[in-house]
Protein backbone atom coordinates (compact mmCIF):
# COMPACT_ATOMS: atom_id res chain seq x y z
CA UNK A 1 4.69 8.93 17.56
CA UNK A 2 1.41 8.46 19.41
CA UNK A 3 0.68 4.95 20.32
CA UNK A 4 -2.08 2.99 22.09
CA UNK A 5 -1.27 1.10 25.57
CA UNK A 6 0.01 -2.34 25.52
CA UNK A 7 -3.23 -3.01 26.88
CA UNK A 8 -5.57 -1.76 24.28
CA UNK A 9 -3.92 -3.67 21.49
CA UNK A 10 -4.20 -6.70 23.79
CA UNK A 11 -8.11 -6.33 24.43
CA UNK A 12 -8.28 -5.56 20.75
CA UNK A 13 -6.72 -8.76 19.34
CA UNK A 14 -9.08 -10.92 21.73
CA UNK A 15 -12.00 -9.02 20.25
CA UNK A 16 -10.13 -10.03 16.45
CA UNK A 17 -9.32 -13.38 17.35
CA UNK A 18 -13.52 -14.06 18.32
CA UNK A 19 -14.31 -12.61 15.19
CA UNK A 20 -12.04 -14.25 13.12
CA UNK A 21 -11.93 -17.47 15.34
CA UNK A 22 -15.26 -18.03 12.75
CA UNK A 23 -13.28 -17.88 9.61
CA UNK A 24 -10.02 -19.39 10.15
CA UNK A 25 -10.92 -22.52 11.80
CA UNK A 26 -8.03 -25.54 11.18
CA UNK A 27 -8.43 -28.45 10.63
CA UNK A 28 -6.34 -31.09 12.77
CA UNK A 29 -4.23 -33.60 10.68
CA UNK A 30 -6.09 -35.91 11.68
CA UNK A 31 -9.20 -34.91 10.27
CA UNK A 32 -7.18 -34.31 6.83
CA UNK A 33 -5.68 -37.95 7.12
CA UNK A 34 -7.80 -39.51 4.86
CA UNK A 35 -9.19 -36.46 2.12
CA UNK A 36 -7.98 -37.21 -1.52
CA UNK A 37 -5.68 -33.98 -2.81
CA UNK A 38 -8.49 -32.73 -4.91
CA UNK A 39 -8.56 -29.42 -6.26
CA UNK A 40 -6.56 -25.97 -3.44
CA UNK A 41 -6.35 -27.68 -0.42
CA UNK A 42 -5.74 -24.03 1.38
CA UNK A 43 -9.98 -23.78 0.47
CA UNK A 44 -10.14 -26.19 3.50
CA UNK A 45 -8.99 -23.85 5.81
CA UNK A 46 -9.91 -20.46 4.14
CA UNK A 47 -11.93 -20.40 0.95
CA UNK A 48 -12.08 -17.44 -0.96
CA UNK A 49 -15.24 -15.92 0.26
CA UNK A 50 -13.74 -16.53 3.79
CA UNK A 51 -10.72 -14.36 2.31
CA UNK A 52 -12.85 -11.52 0.74
CA UNK A 53 -15.01 -11.44 3.87
CA UNK A 54 -11.36 -10.14 6.08
CA UNK A 55 -10.03 -8.07 3.43
CA UNK A 56 -13.71 -6.53 3.78
CA UNK A 57 -13.11 -6.13 7.52
CA UNK A 58 -9.08 -4.69 7.38
CA UNK A 59 -10.41 -2.71 4.36
CA UNK A 60 -12.96 -1.29 6.89
CA UNK A 61 -10.27 -0.06 9.35
CA UNK A 62 -8.18 1.46 6.94
CA UNK A 63 -10.81 3.37 5.64
CA UNK A 64 -12.16 4.97 9.33
CA UNK A 65 -7.71 5.18 9.61
CA UNK A 66 -8.14 8.24 7.62
CA UNK A 67 -4.85 7.77 5.24
CA UNK A 68 -6.75 6.59 1.88
CA UNK A 69 -6.84 9.34 -1.03
CA UNK A 70 -10.33 10.26 -1.48
CA UNK A 71 -10.07 12.79 -4.48
CA UNK A 72 -12.03 10.69 -7.24
CA UNK A 73 -9.10 11.66 -9.60
CA UNK A 74 -7.31 9.44 -8.18
CA UNK A 75 -9.55 6.94 -7.02
CA UNK A 76 -10.26 6.37 -11.15
CA UNK A 77 -7.05 6.38 -11.83
CA UNK A 78 -5.68 3.52 -10.17
CA UNK A 79 -8.96 1.74 -10.56
CA UNK A 80 -9.17 1.49 -14.35
CA UNK A 81 -4.88 0.41 -14.01
CA UNK A 82 -5.82 -2.16 -11.96
CA UNK A 83 -8.62 -3.46 -13.59
CA UNK A 84 -7.09 -3.77 -16.69
CA UNK A 85 -4.35 -5.61 -15.23
CA UNK A 86 -6.96 -8.19 -13.24
CA UNK A 87 -8.48 -9.31 -17.00
CA UNK A 88 -5.55 -11.06 -17.91
CA UNK A 89 -5.09 -12.07 -14.07
CA UNK A 90 -8.04 -14.57 -13.77
CA UNK A 91 -11.41 -16.07 -15.38
CA UNK A 92 -13.43 -13.82 -13.24
CA UNK A 93 -12.92 -15.82 -9.77
CA UNK A 94 -11.59 -12.58 -8.01
CA UNK A 95 -13.19 -9.25 -7.23
CA UNK A 96 -10.37 -6.90 -6.58
CA UNK A 97 -10.34 -3.35 -5.12
CA UNK A 98 -7.25 -1.08 -5.38
CA UNK A 99 -6.98 2.12 -3.78
CA UNK A 100 -4.15 4.79 -2.31
CA UNK A 101 -2.94 5.87 1.07
CA UNK A 102 -1.35 8.55 1.62
CA UNK A 103 1.84 8.17 2.45
CA UNK A 104 4.94 9.55 1.16
CA UNK A 105 6.97 5.79 2.05
CA UNK A 106 7.57 3.73 -0.99
CA UNK A 107 5.43 0.24 -0.65
CA UNK A 108 2.25 -1.89 -1.91
CA UNK A 109 0.08 -4.42 -0.31
CA UNK A 110 -2.38 -7.23 -1.43
CA UNK A 111 -4.92 -7.42 1.86
CA UNK A 112 -6.94 -11.02 1.13
CA UNK A 113 -9.68 -10.98 -1.14
CA UNK A 114 -8.46 -8.71 -3.61
CA UNK A 115 -8.05 -5.80 -2.21
CA UNK A 116 -4.41 -3.85 -3.62
CA UNK A 117 -2.98 -1.12 -1.71
CA UNK A 118 -0.57 1.54 -2.85
CA UNK A 119 0.94 4.16 -1.41
CA UNK A 120 1.25 7.64 -3.10
CA UNK A 121 5.37 7.36 -2.48
CA UNK A 122 4.84 4.59 -4.48
CA UNK A 123 3.51 6.18 -7.55
CA UNK A 124 5.47 9.38 -7.28
CA UNK A 125 8.80 6.94 -7.19
CA UNK A 126 7.98 5.74 -10.22
CA UNK A 127 9.69 6.57 -13.45
CA UNK A 128 6.47 5.11 -16.21
CA UNK A 129 3.74 3.90 -15.94
CA UNK A 130 5.06 0.52 -16.64
CA UNK A 131 6.75 0.78 -13.59
CA UNK A 132 3.92 0.54 -11.43
CA UNK A 133 1.79 -1.36 -13.48
CA UNK A 134 5.05 -3.68 -12.42
CA UNK A 135 4.39 -3.48 -8.73
CA UNK A 136 0.37 -3.87 -8.93
CA UNK A 137 1.59 -7.04 -11.03
CA UNK A 138 2.83 -8.35 -8.39
CA UNK A 139 0.75 -8.03 -5.98
CA UNK A 140 -2.50 -9.02 -7.99
CA UNK A 141 -0.23 -12.43 -8.45
CA UNK A 142 -0.25 -12.48 -4.84
CA UNK A 143 -4.05 -13.06 -4.99
CA UNK A 144 -4.51 -14.71 -7.64
CA UNK A 145 -1.91 -17.45 -6.60
CA UNK A 146 -3.56 -17.81 -2.53
CA UNK A 147 -0.56 -17.09 -0.98
CA UNK A 148 -2.68 -16.01 2.06
CA UNK A 149 -4.12 -19.54 2.30
CA UNK A 150 -1.43 -21.85 0.73
CA UNK A 151 0.23 -19.96 4.11
CA UNK A 152 -2.39 -20.76 6.07
CA UNK A 153 -2.86 -24.41 4.80
CA UNK A 154 0.98 -24.32 5.69
CA UNK A 155 1.33 -23.77 8.67
CA UNK A 156 -2.20 -25.37 9.95
CA UNK A 157 -0.20 -26.06 13.86
CA UNK A 158 0.32 -22.58 14.20
CA UNK A 159 -1.67 -20.99 16.57
CA UNK A 160 -4.82 -19.17 15.64
CA UNK A 161 -4.06 -16.51 18.05
CA UNK A 162 -1.10 -15.27 16.30
CA UNK A 163 -3.11 -14.74 13.56
CA UNK A 164 -5.74 -12.65 14.90
CA UNK A 165 -2.86 -10.73 16.67
CA UNK A 166 -1.05 -9.96 13.12
CA UNK A 167 -4.43 -8.53 11.95
CA UNK A 168 -5.05 -7.12 14.88
CA UNK A 169 -1.90 -4.88 14.92
CA UNK A 170 -3.32 -3.99 11.14
CA UNK A 171 -6.18 -2.65 12.81
CA UNK A 172 -4.39 -1.14 15.74
CA UNK A 173 -2.71 0.78 13.22
CA UNK A 174 -5.81 1.82 11.18
CA UNK A 175 -7.48 3.38 14.53
CA UNK A 176 -4.74 5.14 15.75
CA UNK A 177 -3.57 6.63 11.55
CA UNK A 178 -0.23 4.65 12.14
CA UNK A 179 0.73 3.36 8.05
CA UNK A 180 3.38 2.14 9.87
CA UNK A 181 1.73 -0.21 11.83
CA UNK A 182 -0.85 -1.45 9.56
CA UNK A 183 1.59 -1.81 6.96
CA UNK A 184 3.56 -4.32 9.15
CA UNK A 185 0.65 -5.18 10.26
CA UNK A 186 -0.72 -6.50 6.71
CA UNK A 187 3.09 -8.13 6.14
CA UNK A 188 2.83 -9.72 8.77
CA UNK A 189 -0.81 -11.11 7.43
CA UNK A 190 0.74 -11.79 3.96
CA UNK A 191 3.24 -14.05 5.28
CA UNK A 192 1.42 -15.72 8.04
CA UNK A 193 4.63 -15.42 10.83
CA UNK A 194 8.48 -14.21 10.42
CA UNK A 195 10.04 -15.74 7.50
CA UNK A 196 12.04 -17.97 9.71
CA UNK A 197 8.76 -20.29 10.27
CA UNK A 198 7.83 -20.12 6.90
CA UNK A 199 9.74 -21.76 4.12
CA UNK A 200 7.95 -20.73 1.07
CA UNK A 201 7.44 -17.14 2.09
CA UNK A 202 10.31 -16.20 -0.26
CA UNK A 203 9.06 -18.60 -2.85
CA UNK A 204 6.18 -16.74 -2.97
CA UNK A 205 7.81 -13.29 -3.95
CA UNK A 206 9.39 -15.43 -7.12
CA UNK A 207 6.10 -17.02 -7.96
CA UNK A 208 4.16 -13.61 -8.28
CA UNK A 209 7.15 -12.34 -10.45
CA UNK A 210 6.76 -15.00 -12.85
CA UNK A 211 3.39 -14.94 -13.01
CA UNK A 212 3.18 -11.13 -12.64
CA UNK A 213 5.21 -10.33 -15.27
CA UNK A 214 3.17 -12.23 -18.03
CA UNK A 215 0.46 -10.51 -16.18
CA UNK A 216 1.69 -7.09 -17.28
CA UNK A 217 2.75 -7.76 -20.32
CA UNK A 218 -0.63 -9.22 -21.83
CA UNK A 219 -2.63 -5.92 -20.61
CA UNK A 220 -0.20 -3.66 -22.84
CA UNK A 221 2.57 -2.89 -20.40
CA UNK A 222 5.93 -3.17 -21.03
CA UNK A 223 6.92 -6.50 -19.09
CA UNK A 224 10.14 -4.33 -18.31
CA UNK A 225 8.68 -2.06 -16.07
CA UNK A 226 8.71 -4.47 -13.33
CA UNK A 227 12.58 -5.51 -13.19
CA UNK A 228 13.02 -1.50 -13.89
CA UNK A 229 11.30 -0.97 -10.77
CA UNK A 230 13.08 -3.04 -8.42
CA UNK A 231 16.67 -1.56 -9.62
CA UNK A 232 15.92 1.58 -9.44
CA UNK A 233 14.93 0.53 -6.05
CA UNK A 234 18.05 -1.17 -5.02
CA UNK A 235 20.14 1.02 -5.95
CA UNK A 236 18.79 4.01 -4.21
CA UNK A 237 20.37 6.77 -2.64
CA UNK A 238 19.52 10.29 -2.30
CA UNK A 239 16.08 11.15 -1.25
CA UNK A 240 14.40 8.16 -2.13
CA UNK A 241 17.05 5.84 0.28
CA UNK A 242 14.54 7.28 3.54
CA UNK A 243 11.48 6.22 1.80
CA UNK A 244 11.69 2.32 -0.18
CA UNK A 245 12.86 0.43 3.46
CA UNK A 246 9.64 -0.48 3.74
CA UNK A 247 9.38 -2.02 0.50
CA UNK A 248 12.36 -3.34 0.54
CA UNK A 249 11.64 -5.38 4.21
CA UNK A 250 8.04 -6.54 3.06
CA UNK A 251 8.97 -7.13 -0.83
CA UNK A 252 13.26 -7.98 -0.42
CA UNK A 253 15.11 -7.15 -3.88
CA UNK A 254 18.24 -9.27 -4.48
CA UNK A 255 20.42 -9.37 -8.21
CA UNK A 256 19.19 -12.78 -8.83
CA UNK A 257 15.54 -11.37 -8.14
CA UNK A 258 15.56 -8.79 -10.63
CA UNK A 259 17.63 -11.17 -13.47
CA UNK A 260 15.03 -13.89 -13.15
CA UNK A 261 12.44 -11.06 -13.66
CA UNK A 262 14.31 -9.06 -16.32
CA UNK A 263 14.99 -13.17 -18.24
CA UNK A 264 10.76 -13.63 -17.75
CA UNK A 265 10.20 -9.71 -19.67
CA UNK A 266 12.50 -10.34 -22.28
CA UNK A 267 10.66 -13.70 -23.30
CA UNK A 268 7.85 -11.79 -24.17
CA UNK A 269 7.87 -9.57 -27.98
CA UNK A 270 9.45 -5.60 -27.42
CA UNK A 271 6.56 -2.88 -27.62
CA UNK A 272 6.64 0.77 -27.64
CA UNK A 273 4.08 1.94 -24.89
CA UNK A 274 2.97 5.19 -23.98
CA UNK A 275 2.06 6.26 -20.36
CA UNK A 276 -1.21 6.79 -20.04
CA UNK A 277 -2.25 11.00 -19.28
CA UNK A 278 -4.12 9.90 -16.95
CA UNK A 279 -1.01 8.70 -14.88
CA UNK A 280 0.53 12.03 -15.44
CA UNK A 281 -2.03 13.50 -13.34
CA UNK A 282 -2.86 11.17 -10.86
CA UNK A 283 0.93 12.30 -10.25
CA UNK A 284 0.53 16.14 -10.45
CA UNK A 285 -2.55 15.63 -7.58
CA UNK A 286 -0.40 13.07 -5.76
CA UNK A 287 1.97 15.75 -5.69
CA UNK A 288 -0.27 18.83 -4.26
CA UNK A 289 -2.47 16.40 -2.15
CA UNK A 290 1.41 15.69 -0.66
CA UNK A 291 3.05 18.85 -0.37
CA UNK A 292 2.96 20.75 2.70
CA UNK A 293 1.99 23.98 0.79
CA UNK A 294 0.87 24.96 -3.00
CA UNK A 295 3.61 26.84 -3.24
CA UNK A 296 5.82 23.73 -2.61
CA UNK A 297 4.17 21.82 -5.57
CA UNK A 298 4.11 24.70 -8.25
CA UNK A 299 8.10 24.85 -7.08
CA UNK A 300 8.37 21.22 -7.44
CA UNK A 301 6.07 21.17 -11.10
CA UNK A 302 8.35 24.62 -12.55
CA UNK A 303 11.84 22.26 -11.36
CA UNK A 304 10.69 19.29 -12.92
CA UNK A 305 9.67 21.01 -16.19
CA UNK A 306 13.52 22.46 -16.82
CA UNK A 307 14.47 18.88 -16.64
CA UNK A 308 14.96 17.59 -20.38
CA UNK A 309 12.56 16.07 -22.17
CA UNK A 310 10.16 17.57 -19.38
CA UNK A 311 8.81 21.08 -21.33
CA UNK A 312 5.50 20.95 -22.37
CA UNK A 313 4.61 17.64 -20.31
CA UNK A 314 0.70 18.10 -20.02
CA UNK A 315 0.99 16.97 -16.07
CA UNK A 316 2.81 19.37 -15.07
CA UNK A 317 1.20 22.09 -16.99
CA UNK A 318 -2.24 20.70 -15.28
CA UNK A 319 0.12 20.59 -12.00
CA UNK A 320 0.91 24.17 -11.90
CA UNK A 321 -2.91 25.39 -12.97
CA UNK A 322 -3.91 23.13 -10.13
CA UNK A 323 -1.52 25.07 -7.57
CA UNK A 324 -2.42 28.52 -9.03
CA UNK A 325 -5.83 27.77 -8.82
CA UNK A 326 -5.01 27.27 -4.22
CA UNK A 327 -2.08 30.25 -4.09
CA UNK A 328 -5.42 32.22 -5.50
CA UNK A 329 -3.24 33.02 -8.98
CA UNK A 330 -7.49 32.75 -11.02
CA UNK A 331 -6.62 33.81 -14.25
CA UNK A 332 -3.30 32.25 -14.86
CA UNK A 333 -4.88 29.62 -14.03
CA UNK A 334 -7.41 30.19 -16.69
CA UNK A 335 -5.37 30.61 -19.05
CA UNK A 336 -3.26 27.42 -18.33
CA UNK A 337 -7.01 25.45 -18.37
CA UNK A 338 -7.36 26.80 -21.96
CA UNK A 339 -4.69 26.45 -23.76
CA UNK A 340 -5.03 22.59 -22.21
CA UNK A 341 -8.45 21.48 -23.11
CA UNK A 342 -7.91 23.17 -26.50
CA UNK A 343 -5.01 20.92 -27.38
CA UNK A 344 -6.12 17.83 -25.28
CA UNK A 345 -10.31 18.27 -25.39
CA UNK A 346 -10.98 14.77 -24.77
CA UNK A 347 -8.58 14.80 -21.29
CA UNK A 348 -11.84 14.76 -18.91
CA UNK A 349 -9.50 16.79 -15.77
CA UNK A 350 -8.81 19.50 -17.99
CA UNK A 351 -12.99 20.08 -18.80
CA UNK A 352 -13.60 20.30 -14.82
CA UNK A 353 -10.05 22.04 -14.14
CA UNK A 354 -11.26 24.80 -16.72
CA UNK A 355 -14.91 24.92 -14.91
CA UNK A 356 -13.44 25.18 -11.43
CA UNK A 357 -11.09 28.17 -12.99
CA UNK A 358 -14.03 30.19 -14.66
CA UNK A 359 -16.14 29.24 -11.17
CA UNK A 360 -12.75 31.02 -8.89
CA UNK A 361 -12.98 33.80 -11.64
CA UNK A 362 -16.49 34.95 -10.86
CA UNK A 363 -18.50 33.53 -13.98
CA UNK A 364 -20.71 30.57 -13.54
CA UNK A 365 -22.90 30.89 -15.91
CA UNK A 366 -19.27 30.40 -18.27
CA UNK A 367 -17.79 27.38 -15.51
CA UNK A 368 -21.59 25.61 -15.52
CA UNK A 369 -22.02 25.52 -18.96
CA UNK A 370 -18.08 24.02 -19.13
CA UNK A 371 -19.69 21.22 -17.38
CA UNK A 372 -22.84 20.56 -19.59
CA UNK A 373 -20.40 20.52 -22.10
CA UNK A 374 -17.97 17.78 -20.47
CA UNK A 375 -21.61 15.96 -18.90
CA UNK A 376 -22.85 15.50 -22.69
CA UNK A 377 -19.72 14.50 -23.83
CA UNK A 378 -18.64 11.99 -20.90
CA UNK A 379 -22.25 10.84 -19.22
CA UNK A 380 -22.18 9.76 -15.66
CA UNK A 381 -17.84 9.61 -15.35
CA UNK A 382 -17.34 9.65 -11.81
CA UNK A 383 -15.15 12.07 -10.92
CA UNK A 384 -16.53 14.73 -13.59
CA UNK A 385 -19.63 14.65 -11.31
CA UNK A 386 -18.49 14.70 -8.20
CA UNK A 387 -16.34 18.68 -9.65
CA UNK A 388 -19.71 18.91 -11.58
CA UNK A 389 -21.79 18.87 -8.00
CA UNK A 390 -19.02 20.42 -5.85
CA UNK A 391 -19.38 23.39 -8.62
CA UNK A 392 -22.99 23.68 -7.80
CA UNK A 393 -23.51 23.25 -3.71
CA UNK A 394 -20.49 26.78 -4.42
CA UNK A 395 -22.77 27.95 -7.02
CA UNK A 396 -26.00 28.05 -4.35
CA UNK A 397 -28.13 24.92 -6.56
CA UNK A 398 -27.60 22.15 -3.84
CA UNK A 399 -31.02 20.93 -5.72
CA UNK A 400 -29.78 19.98 -9.18
CA UNK A 401 -26.32 18.60 -7.52
CA UNK A 402 -28.29 16.03 -5.29
CA UNK A 403 -30.32 14.73 -8.72
CA UNK A 404 -27.17 14.69 -10.97
CA UNK A 405 -25.08 12.45 -8.33
CA UNK A 406 -28.48 10.51 -7.82
CA UNK A 407 -28.92 9.88 -11.10
CA UNK A 408 -24.48 8.43 -10.98
CA UNK A 409 -24.79 6.77 -7.83
CA UNK A 410 -27.99 4.72 -9.65
CA UNK A 411 -25.69 3.35 -12.04
CA UNK A 412 -22.45 3.40 -10.08
CA UNK A 413 -21.30 2.10 -6.52
CA UNK A 414 -20.42 5.09 -4.16
CA UNK A 415 -17.77 5.17 -2.10
CA UNK A 416 -18.61 6.26 1.67
CA UNK A 417 -17.66 10.04 1.03
CA UNK A 418 -18.95 10.16 -2.49
CA UNK A 419 -22.10 8.90 0.66
CA UNK A 420 -21.26 11.52 2.73
CA UNK A 421 -21.96 14.39 -0.55
CA UNK A 422 -24.65 13.77 -1.62
CA UNK A 423 -26.14 13.79 1.67
CA UNK A 424 -24.37 17.09 1.75
CA UNK A 425 -26.19 17.97 -1.43
CA UNK A 426 -29.22 16.38 0.11
CA UNK A 427 -29.40 18.52 2.85
CA UNK A 428 -28.46 22.02 1.58
CA UNK A 429 -31.25 21.34 -0.63
CA UNK A 430 -33.56 21.30 2.14
CA UNK A 431 -33.95 17.04 1.54
CA UNK A 432 -33.42 16.50 4.78
CA UNK A 433 -34.91 12.59 5.43
CA UNK A 434 -33.13 12.03 2.66
CA UNK A 435 -30.00 13.34 3.99
CA UNK A 436 -30.35 11.28 7.50
CA UNK A 437 -30.92 8.23 5.31
CA UNK A 438 -27.73 9.48 2.99
CA UNK A 439 -25.79 9.23 6.13
CA UNK A 440 -27.22 5.85 7.38
CA UNK A 441 -25.78 4.53 4.21
CA UNK A 442 -22.22 6.25 5.11
CA UNK A 443 -22.76 4.87 8.55
CA UNK A 444 -23.12 0.69 7.28
CA UNK A 445 -20.62 1.35 4.81
CA UNK A 446 -17.72 2.08 7.42
CA UNK A 447 -19.03 -0.52 9.33
CA UNK A 448 -21.04 1.49 12.44
CA UNK A 449 -24.59 -0.25 12.61
CA UNK A 450 -25.63 2.14 15.86
CA UNK A 451 -24.96 5.65 13.94
CA UNK A 452 -27.08 4.07 10.81
CA UNK A 453 -29.59 3.02 13.00
CA UNK A 454 -30.14 6.16 14.64
CA UNK A 455 -29.89 8.57 11.29
CA UNK A 456 -32.57 5.93 9.75
CA UNK A 457 -34.79 6.81 12.96
CA UNK A 458 -34.32 10.90 12.90
CA UNK A 459 -35.12 10.20 9.61
CA UNK A 460 -38.47 8.35 10.12
CA UNK A 461 -39.37 11.01 12.45
CA UNK A 462 -40.22 13.69 10.25
CA UNK A 463 -42.95 14.42 8.06
CA UNK A 464 -42.10 12.41 4.96
CA UNK A 465 -44.36 10.34 2.93
CA UNK A 466 -45.82 7.13 2.80
CA UNK A 467 -43.42 5.89 0.55
CA UNK A 468 -40.01 7.16 1.59
CA UNK A 469 -41.34 6.35 5.37
CA UNK A 470 -41.48 2.39 4.27
CA UNK A 471 -38.49 2.56 1.90
CA UNK A 472 -36.47 3.78 5.83
CA UNK A 473 -38.57 1.33 7.42
CA UNK A 474 -38.03 -1.54 5.53
CA UNK A 475 -34.16 -0.32 5.79
CA UNK A 476 -34.32 0.98 9.18
CA UNK A 477 -35.56 -2.91 10.05
CA UNK A 478 -32.27 -4.77 7.63
CA UNK A 479 -30.34 -2.77 10.13
CA UNK A 480 -31.65 -4.04 13.15
CA UNK A 481 -31.54 -7.91 12.08
CA UNK A 482 -27.87 -6.90 11.55
CA UNK A 483 -27.28 -5.78 15.16
CA UNK A 484 -25.37 -8.44 17.58
CA UNK A 485 -27.79 -9.92 19.69
CA UNK A 486 -26.58 -11.48 23.36
CA UNK A 487 -25.18 -14.78 22.22
CA UNK A 488 -24.80 -14.08 18.34
CA UNK A 489 -21.73 -14.15 16.20
CA UNK A 490 -20.38 -10.90 14.89
CA UNK A 491 -21.19 -9.80 11.60
CA UNK A 492 -23.50 -12.39 11.01
CA UNK A 493 -26.62 -11.17 8.56
CA UNK A 494 -24.87 -7.70 7.45
CA UNK A 495 -27.60 -6.27 5.43
CA UNK A 496 -27.29 -5.88 1.89
CA UNK A 497 -25.92 -2.46 -0.13
């Protein structure tokens, strides 16, 4: 496995330490002796705003590592589940962002400030949606209970460089695409030091369980989903055994913990909870994404279809159709999508799948009609609009793709990958200045101010109208003002966007 030299780690740690010092300065005990204990004392060490800034900085590095799942359908699903839970977990004081990392290991983690990551391996290891939601509710509770900030407050005598080193490990792992290092660093940031140095780390896990079970039930999931998944991991064997140790190291599962969580779940009424369609569709997409070949994914879907109770599982049929498309079995895929959409017209992914199959079979007119019908039924749906734009670009209609993406992103904040897509559409449509402007925004979102400024300068060198020029000059000025100057603090005056 590729690892950076120790000298590089040391240098990066020092840099991270310099960046974090303004965020993490800890008042001395003498300074706090005379202060009354009002509200949350941890706020004096690490405010919610500072937590958010740290979490955003780490998340950007995770983005840069290339390990994020950028599939729009999976992104939308995990955000939907997460926000459904978050609404019942807090009173609006926290802003959450949920994301999936393309890793077969079983793990999930909470970054400071409400950034919740879930490994694809964990999603595939769950037996139902409530198990997945249970893990996410647990991580959400780490955030709402301020466990990171409380840990910092409890360890005020600990060197700030130790904190910087932990977060530095995250950044090194992210830059190298090393998910083990990322998760190890995040685990360190969550606990702030080795477990023997922080007495209440274990109690934090129990507290996150207790709070999380309540959130799970209030959000309409089966509260038994949390203990069920813990029990599955505790009794693991076979292929899952090699993928679960990371989760068990960061979330130790004991008999007492399972029993307490199950007892807590039994306090809530028993309800019959059905998985959302998006759960099985997201699993299908992740299986295809994580398989070595489309053939391997297809074989897995067919094998699972033969299991008791899985016949007619639309997630498996959807997965087979997607694999068929990648394998060039265009007619087979078309037939499956036609049947799926006939029986489930409300599922957006079946509309986009049908259109993709029609286009693959050389019938763009039918595909375009399918997309347009879906757009009228589900206006400004993000995955649908992205898939339609992809189809338009492939069909030689980039200007229309540019238009519908611009309409979408004026309403819904895009991800960096989605900004890159609209830049491609604008470039192919001949809107070159706009393409450079979008790429500038992409670089801003990923934290590269110099590249953003370069893109804006290129756009300004072109033949553009006065309105465009004024907009570009204004944005360039914002970027230049945000760039660090000698003697300034890093991260000051970040451009708005």
